[in-house]
Protein backbone atom coordinates (compact mmCIF):
# COMPACT_ATOMS: atom_id res chain seq x y z
CA UNK A 1 257.78 331.47 95.07
CA UNK A 2 255.29 328.69 94.48
CA UNK A 3 254.52 328.30 90.76
CA UNK A 4 251.20 329.87 89.82
CA UNK A 5 250.98 329.25 86.09
CA UNK A 6 251.40 326.42 83.63
CA UNK A 7 254.30 328.37 82.08
CA UNK A 8 256.39 327.26 85.03
CA UNK A 9 255.21 323.67 84.72
CA UNK A 10 256.25 322.96 81.16
CA UNK A 11 258.23 320.28 79.45
CA UNK A 12 261.11 321.09 77.14
CA UNK A 13 258.63 321.78 74.35
CA UNK A 14 256.91 324.47 76.40
CA UNK A 15 253.62 322.54 76.56
CA UNK A 16 252.05 322.12 80.03
CA UNK A 17 252.63 318.79 81.73
CA UNK A 18 249.10 317.53 82.57
CA UNK A 19 250.05 315.64 85.77
CA UNK A 20 252.05 318.55 87.20
CA UNK A 21 249.40 321.05 86.10
CA UNK A 22 246.77 319.09 88.03
CA UNK A 23 249.07 318.82 91.03
CA UNK A 24 249.48 322.63 91.07
CA UNK A 25 245.71 323.13 90.78
CA UNK A 26 245.10 320.80 93.73
CA UNK A 27 247.63 322.70 95.83
CA UNK A 28 246.29 326.14 94.93
CA UNK A 29 242.79 325.03 95.90
CA UNK A 30 244.10 324.28 99.40
CA UNK A 31 246.48 327.24 99.72
CA UNK A 32 244.13 329.70 101.55
CA UNK A 33 243.20 327.05 104.10
CA UNK A 34 246.83 326.00 104.60
CA UNK A 35 247.89 329.61 105.13
CA UNK A 36 245.18 330.11 107.75
CA UNK A 37 246.24 326.92 109.51
CA UNK A 38 249.91 327.91 109.46
CA UNK A 39 249.13 331.38 110.77
CA UNK A 40 246.88 330.10 113.56
CA UNK A 41 249.57 327.63 114.59
CA UNK A 42 252.49 330.09 114.53
CA UNK A 43 250.99 333.56 114.94
CA UNK A 44 253.10 334.78 112.01
CA UNK A 45 252.00 335.57 108.46
CA UNK A 46 255.55 335.39 107.09
CA UNK A 47 256.34 332.09 108.82
CA UNK A 48 253.04 330.61 107.63
CA UNK A 49 253.97 331.57 104.06
CA UNK A 50 257.35 329.86 104.48
CA UNK A 51 255.67 326.71 105.83
CA UNK A 52 253.23 326.60 102.93
CA UNK A 53 256.09 327.07 100.48
CA UNK A 54 257.88 324.10 102.05
CA UNK A 55 254.62 322.11 101.84
CA UNK A 56 254.49 322.90 98.12
CA UNK A 57 258.01 321.57 97.61
CA UNK A 58 257.09 318.33 99.34
CA UNK A 59 253.77 318.07 97.54
CA UNK A 60 255.33 318.65 94.13
CA UNK A 61 257.74 315.78 94.79
CA UNK A 62 255.05 313.20 95.55
CA UNK A 63 255.10 310.55 92.83
CA UNK A 64 252.02 308.46 93.63
CA UNK A 65 248.40 309.55 93.58
CA UNK A 66 246.94 310.94 96.80
CA UNK A 67 243.37 310.02 97.68
CA UNK A 68 242.70 313.22 99.65
CA UNK A 69 244.96 316.19 98.82
CA UNK A 70 243.33 318.26 101.60
CA UNK A 71 244.08 315.69 104.30
CA UNK A 72 247.58 315.02 102.99
CA UNK A 73 248.53 318.69 102.83
CA UNK A 74 247.00 319.34 106.26
CA UNK A 75 249.27 316.65 107.70
CA UNK A 76 252.33 318.18 106.00
CA UNK A 77 251.62 321.72 107.22
CA UNK A 78 250.74 320.57 110.74
CA UNK A 79 253.96 318.60 111.14
CA UNK A 80 256.07 321.40 109.69
CA UNK A 81 254.46 323.83 112.11
CA UNK A 82 255.06 321.53 115.08
CA UNK A 83 258.74 321.29 114.14
CA UNK A 84 258.97 325.04 113.68
CA UNK A 85 257.32 325.79 117.03
CA UNK A 86 260.25 324.25 118.92
CA UNK A 87 262.63 326.98 117.76
CA UNK A 88 259.91 329.64 117.81
CA UNK A 89 259.28 329.08 121.53
CA UNK A 90 262.98 329.48 122.27
CA UNK A 91 263.01 332.81 120.41
CA UNK A 92 259.85 333.91 122.24
CA UNK A 93 261.61 333.52 125.61
CA UNK A 94 264.05 336.30 124.69
CA UNK A 95 261.49 338.57 123.02
CA UNK A 96 261.66 342.20 124.19
CA UNK A 97 258.41 343.48 125.72
CA UNK A 98 254.89 342.19 125.10
CA UNK A 99 254.40 339.67 122.29
CA UNK A 100 251.43 339.82 119.93
CA UNK A 101 250.72 337.78 116.80
CA UNK A 102 251.44 339.36 113.43
CA UNK A 103 248.23 341.16 112.44
CA UNK A 104 246.12 339.30 109.91
CA UNK A 105 244.42 341.97 107.87
CA UNK A 106 241.00 342.06 106.24
CA UNK A 107 238.75 344.73 104.78
CA UNK A 108 235.68 345.91 106.69
CA UNK A 109 233.07 344.93 104.14
CA UNK A 110 229.38 344.13 104.76
CA UNK A 111 229.55 340.87 102.80
CA UNK A 112 232.94 339.70 104.08
CA UNK A 113 232.98 335.95 104.71
CA UNK A 114 234.45 335.08 108.11
CA UNK A 115 236.39 331.88 107.57
CA UNK A 116 236.88 330.97 111.22
CA UNK A 117 236.20 332.26 114.70
CA UNK A 118 239.75 333.02 115.81
CA UNK A 119 240.39 336.55 117.08
CA UNK A 120 243.45 338.21 118.60
CA UNK A 121 242.11 337.31 122.05
CA UNK A 122 241.91 333.63 121.18
CA UNK A 123 245.31 333.70 119.51
CA UNK A 124 246.79 334.87 122.82
CA UNK A 125 244.89 332.13 124.66
CA UNK A 126 246.35 329.57 122.24
CA UNK A 127 249.82 330.66 123.32
CA UNK A 128 249.20 328.99 126.68
CA UNK A 129 248.74 325.58 125.06
CA UNK A 130 251.33 322.96 124.25
CA UNK A 131 252.05 322.62 120.51
CA UNK A 132 250.04 319.37 120.27
CA UNK A 133 247.10 320.85 122.20
CA UNK A 134 247.12 323.86 119.93
CA UNK A 135 247.20 321.70 116.81
CA UNK A 136 244.42 319.40 118.07
CA UNK A 137 242.18 322.33 118.98
CA UNK A 138 242.72 324.21 115.73
CA UNK A 139 242.33 321.20 113.45
CA UNK A 140 239.26 319.78 115.19
CA UNK A 141 237.42 322.78 116.66
CA UNK A 142 238.33 325.54 114.19
CA UNK A 143 238.95 323.78 110.87
CA UNK A 144 236.48 320.94 111.41
CA UNK A 145 238.88 318.09 110.71
CA UNK A 146 237.58 314.69 111.86
CA UNK A 147 239.38 313.17 114.85
CA UNK A 148 240.86 310.23 112.89
CA UNK A 149 242.44 312.70 110.44
CA UNK A 150 243.70 314.86 113.32
CA UNK A 151 245.22 311.77 114.88
CA UNK A 152 246.97 310.93 111.59
CA UNK A 153 248.30 314.47 111.29
CA UNK A 154 249.68 314.41 114.84
CA UNK A 155 250.85 310.81 114.80
CA UNK A 156 248.81 310.06 117.93
CA UNK A 157 245.99 307.67 118.78
CA UNK A 158 242.45 309.11 118.32
CA UNK A 159 241.71 308.72 122.05
CA UNK A 160 244.82 310.70 122.96
CA UNK A 161 243.94 313.41 120.43
CA UNK A 162 240.43 313.66 121.87
CA UNK A 163 241.93 314.34 125.29
CA UNK A 164 244.27 316.96 123.82
CA UNK A 165 241.31 318.74 122.20
CA UNK A 166 239.24 318.60 125.40
CA UNK A 167 242.05 320.07 127.53
CA UNK A 168 242.72 322.77 124.96
CA UNK A 169 239.05 323.67 124.72
CA UNK A 170 238.83 324.22 128.48
CA UNK A 171 241.86 326.52 128.41
CA UNK A 172 240.75 328.71 125.53
CA UNK A 173 236.96 328.79 125.84
CA UNK A 174 237.07 332.25 127.42
CA UNK A 175 238.79 333.58 124.31
CA UNK A 176 235.97 332.62 121.98
CA UNK A 177 234.39 335.60 120.24
CA UNK A 178 230.84 336.15 121.45
CA UNK A 179 230.32 339.76 120.43
CA UNK A 180 230.01 340.46 116.72
CA UNK A 181 229.80 343.89 115.11
CA UNK A 182 228.44 344.72 111.70
CA UNK A 183 230.79 346.41 109.25
CA UNK A 184 229.41 349.91 109.78
CA UNK A 185 229.70 349.72 113.57
CA UNK A 186 233.22 348.23 113.39
CA UNK A 187 234.32 351.08 111.13
CA UNK A 188 232.67 353.70 113.36
CA UNK A 189 234.33 352.45 116.55
CA UNK A 190 237.76 352.17 114.89
CA UNK A 191 237.58 355.73 113.55
CA UNK A 192 236.18 357.12 116.80
CA UNK A 193 238.94 355.55 118.89
CA UNK A 194 241.66 356.69 116.50
CA UNK A 195 240.42 360.29 116.65
CA UNK A 196 239.89 360.28 120.43
CA UNK A 197 243.30 358.78 121.23
CA UNK A 198 245.07 361.08 118.74
CA UNK A 199 243.40 364.20 120.14
CA UNK A 200 243.46 363.16 123.81
CA UNK A 201 239.69 363.71 123.88
CA UNK A 202 238.91 362.57 127.42
CA UNK A 203 235.12 362.71 127.04
CA UNK A 204 235.17 360.65 123.85
CA UNK A 205 237.60 358.14 125.37
CA UNK A 206 235.40 357.78 128.46
CA UNK A 207 232.44 356.97 126.20
CA UNK A 208 234.41 354.34 124.25
CA UNK A 209 236.48 352.50 126.87
CA UNK A 210 235.33 349.87 129.34
CA UNK A 211 236.33 350.40 132.96
CA UNK A 212 238.64 347.35 132.89
CA UNK A 213 240.13 348.00 129.43
CA UNK A 214 243.65 346.71 128.77
CA UNK A 215 246.30 347.90 126.29
CA UNK A 216 249.09 345.69 124.93
CA UNK A 217 251.78 347.12 122.67
CA UNK A 218 254.36 345.09 120.71
CA UNK A 219 257.48 346.86 119.49
CA UNK A 220 259.83 343.89 119.77
CA UNK A 221 262.63 346.16 120.95
CA UNK A 222 262.76 347.68 117.46
CA UNK A 223 260.59 350.76 118.03
CA UNK A 224 259.07 352.50 121.03
CA UNK A 225 256.23 350.58 122.66
CA UNK A 226 254.73 350.15 126.11
CA UNK A 227 256.70 347.29 127.72
CA UNK A 228 253.92 346.28 130.13
CA UNK A 229 250.17 345.83 129.93
CA UNK A 230 248.33 349.04 130.87
CA UNK A 231 245.03 348.39 132.65
CA UNK A 232 242.05 350.57 133.47
CA UNK A 233 240.09 353.34 131.78
CA UNK A 234 241.46 356.12 133.98
CA UNK A 235 245.11 355.21 133.29
CA UNK A 236 244.53 355.01 129.54
CA UNK A 237 242.67 358.31 129.41
CA UNK A 238 245.55 360.00 131.24
CA UNK A 239 248.03 358.29 128.92
CA UNK A 240 246.37 359.44 125.70
CA UNK A 241 245.68 362.92 127.05
CA UNK A 242 249.34 363.26 128.03
CA UNK A 243 250.60 362.02 124.67
CA UNK A 244 248.34 364.43 122.82
CA UNK A 245 249.64 367.36 124.86
CA UNK A 246 253.27 366.52 124.15
CA UNK A 247 252.96 365.41 120.55
CA UNK A 248 254.40 367.59 117.81
CA UNK A 249 253.43 365.08 115.16
CA UNK A 250 249.99 363.52 114.96
CA UNK A 251 249.54 359.98 113.66
CA UNK A 252 247.83 359.58 110.31
CA UNK A 253 244.99 357.11 109.73
CA UNK A 254 245.80 355.03 106.64
CA UNK A 255 242.80 352.71 106.66
CA UNK A 256 240.35 350.93 108.88
CA UNK A 257 240.48 347.14 108.79
CA UNK A 258 239.52 343.90 110.43
CA UNK A 259 242.58 342.66 112.31
CA UNK A 260 242.24 339.03 113.35
CA UNK A 261 238.51 339.50 113.09
CA UNK A 262 238.49 342.59 115.33
CA UNK A 263 237.71 346.18 114.29
CA UNK A 264 240.85 348.27 113.98
CA UNK A 265 243.02 350.41 111.79
CA UNK A 266 246.46 350.98 110.30
CA UNK A 267 248.18 354.28 111.15
CA UNK A 268 251.55 355.93 110.61
CA UNK A 269 253.54 357.84 113.24
CA UNK A 270 256.45 360.27 112.84
CA UNK A 271 259.09 358.83 110.55
CA UNK A 272 256.55 356.60 108.85
CA UNK A 273 256.47 354.04 111.68
CA UNK A 274 253.49 351.80 110.98
CA UNK A 275 251.13 350.60 113.66
CA UNK A 276 248.13 348.31 113.59
CA UNK A 277 245.54 348.69 116.33
CA UNK A 278 242.92 346.00 116.98
CA UNK A 279 240.02 346.60 119.34
CA UNK A 280 238.15 344.00 121.37
CA UNK A 281 234.60 345.31 121.82
CA UNK A 282 231.90 344.01 124.17
CA UNK A 283 228.54 345.64 124.81
CA UNK A 284 229.61 348.69 122.82
CA UNK A 285 232.75 349.32 124.89
CA UNK A 286 236.41 348.67 124.06
CA UNK A 287 237.74 346.06 126.49
CA UNK A 288 241.18 345.44 124.96
CA UNK A 289 243.54 347.32 122.63
CA UNK A 290 246.26 345.46 120.72
CA UNK A 291 248.95 347.65 119.09
CA UNK A 292 251.59 346.04 116.87
CA UNK A 293 254.53 348.33 116.00
CA UNK A 294 257.38 345.85 115.45
CA UNK A 295 258.38 346.46 111.80
CA UNK A 296 259.38 342.80 111.43
CA UNK A 297 255.74 341.87 112.03
CA UNK A 298 254.36 344.51 109.67
CA UNK A 299 256.22 343.78 106.44
CA UNK A 300 253.10 342.37 104.80
CA UNK A 301 251.20 345.48 105.93
CA UNK A 302 253.94 347.89 104.79
CA UNK A 303 253.94 346.33 101.31
CA UNK A 304 250.37 347.54 100.86
CA UNK A 305 251.37 351.16 101.51
CA UNK A 306 254.90 351.23 100.11
CA UNK A 307 256.09 352.49 96.71
């Protein structure tokens, strides 16, 4: 793990080493931002944590002073992510069933600060970009990094990076979040959908779902999940009504949450199988449902509910 106290940055006498202590403080100040960048690049909380850990090892080995720690660390994380994406894309080609990003969890709180405008919908749109387009868009449009710094991070000319960002922006503009819910409404919709889908309440489902609603479910071949996208209100109502009629174990709501900026919840099925459900909502209706069930993608969620 990355050191988090001066006890781990001590000389033989046990006294903190001032230079290393300052280096740790500079890194910790950037850590939340670096984790968000790594996650947005890779779609994986665990892989982002590994990337940031590697960035720490490189940062701790730098001997000379760095004029801008933020810019320097951004370059390190970006390049590590670009290298990692080569193998990640190969693994994605053999992935079983639908693929969704690991859910990034947040509490539904009235005063929660939204750090960026990236939702599950936009994360899926980013998957259609090349690694360099994705990096250019995220760094410039989401994290507000100036083009010369983006160019330095990518090792490209500023003019080329500008073109990358423009192309990426055109591809993903439809995924931008335009419908925001306050905390109370997000919590209400999440709880209402959980109850309606659990009970197979057709009237409640009809009042919640948009006509063109879509459901994506990611089990990764590890647990049961719907292998294909299910589209349309009528099909989903029949699905949930049928499941409710056959079920001899009802899922348990563990908590509501913001999942990649969308209202949702964490639930547990028979055998303790965890599931996160994120809901895209427009004009008061649910237009998309994203269910993650793959236990490999829910380790960070399971740790919050485990012993």
